[in-house]
Amino acid sequence: MRSIARFCGQSGCGCPELFLDERAPEARRVVITDDFGQRVEMSRAQFGSIVAAAKSGALDNLAILP
């Protein structure tokens, strides 16, 4: 798997991370792991839908402010 993004800015800390697994079936190529060892697998199209929703602002109300 190829790491695409880490969501905490610190290397090797077990933070949530986005991967692309080119060897997986298309329906499971995008992998998101969390800091508890769980993972979500989805297609590029499904992930694209999440990205589009984030870009449109549809997910803005989910942001947790410090």
Protein backbone atom coordinates (compact mmCIF):
# COMPACT_ATOMS: atom_id res chain seq x y z
CA MET A 1 0.00 0.00 0.00
CA ARG A 2 1.14 3.51 -0.79
CA SER A 3 0.58 6.20 1.82
CA ILE A 4 -1.22 9.23 0.39
CA ALA A 5 -1.85 11.37 3.49
CA ARG A 6 -1.45 11.27 7.26
CA PHE A 7 -3.98 13.29 9.22
CA CYS A 8 -2.02 14.40 12.26
CA GLY A 9 1.29 15.65 10.89
CA GLN A 10 3.48 13.39 13.02
CA SER A 11 5.34 10.41 11.57
CA GLY A 12 4.86 6.95 13.06
CA CYS A 13 2.35 7.95 15.76
CA GLY A 14 -0.54 5.73 14.72
CA CYS A 15 -2.61 8.62 13.40
CA PRO A 16 -5.37 8.16 10.82
CA GLU A 17 -3.89 7.64 7.36
CA LEU A 18 -5.07 7.37 3.76
CA PHE A 19 -3.57 4.67 1.53
CA LEU A 20 -3.95 3.52 -2.06
CA ASP A 21 -3.68 -0.25 -2.54
CA GLU A 22 -3.21 -0.86 -6.28
CA ARG A 23 -3.22 -4.64 -5.74
CA ALA A 24 -6.66 -4.72 -4.13
CA PRO A 25 -9.87 -5.17 -6.12
CA GLU A 26 -11.21 -1.84 -7.43
CA ALA A 27 -13.99 -1.82 -4.82
CA ARG A 28 -11.37 -1.83 -2.01
CA ARG A 29 -8.42 0.22 -3.35
CA VAL A 30 -8.72 3.25 -1.09
CA VAL A 31 -7.92 2.41 2.53
CA ILE A 32 -8.32 4.68 5.54
CA THR A 33 -6.84 3.49 8.83
CA ASP A 34 -7.50 4.99 12.24
CA ASP A 35 -5.34 5.23 15.33
CA PHE A 36 -7.09 2.20 16.87
CA GLY A 37 -6.01 -0.23 14.14
CA GLN A 38 -9.33 -0.26 12.29
CA ARG A 39 -9.61 0.28 8.55
CA VAL A 40 -12.19 1.26 5.97
CA GLU A 41 -11.82 0.08 2.38
CA MET A 42 -13.66 1.69 -0.53
CA SER A 43 -13.48 2.30 -4.25
CA ARG A 44 -11.94 5.41 -5.77
CA ALA A 45 -15.45 6.47 -6.84
CA GLN A 46 -16.74 6.21 -3.25
CA PHE A 47 -13.77 8.19 -1.95
CA GLY A 48 -14.31 10.73 -4.73
CA SER A 49 -17.84 11.22 -3.45
CA ILE A 50 -16.49 12.01 0.04
CA VAL A 51 -13.97 14.47 -1.42
CA ALA A 52 -16.68 16.17 -3.49
CA ALA A 53 -18.88 16.51 -0.42
CA ALA A 54 -16.00 18.02 1.55
CA LYS A 55 -15.15 20.47 -1.24
CA SER A 56 -18.77 21.59 -1.53
CA GLY A 57 -18.94 22.36 2.18
CA ALA A 58 -21.50 19.64 2.88
CA LEU A 59 -19.28 18.22 5.63
CA ASP A 60 -18.37 21.52 7.28
CA ASN A 61 -20.80 21.01 10.16
CA LEU A 62 -18.94 17.82 11.13
CA ALA A 63 -15.69 19.66 11.87
CA ILE A 64 -14.77 19.63 15.53
CA LEU A 65 -13.31 22.90 16.69
CA PRO A 66 -10.57 22.90 19.32
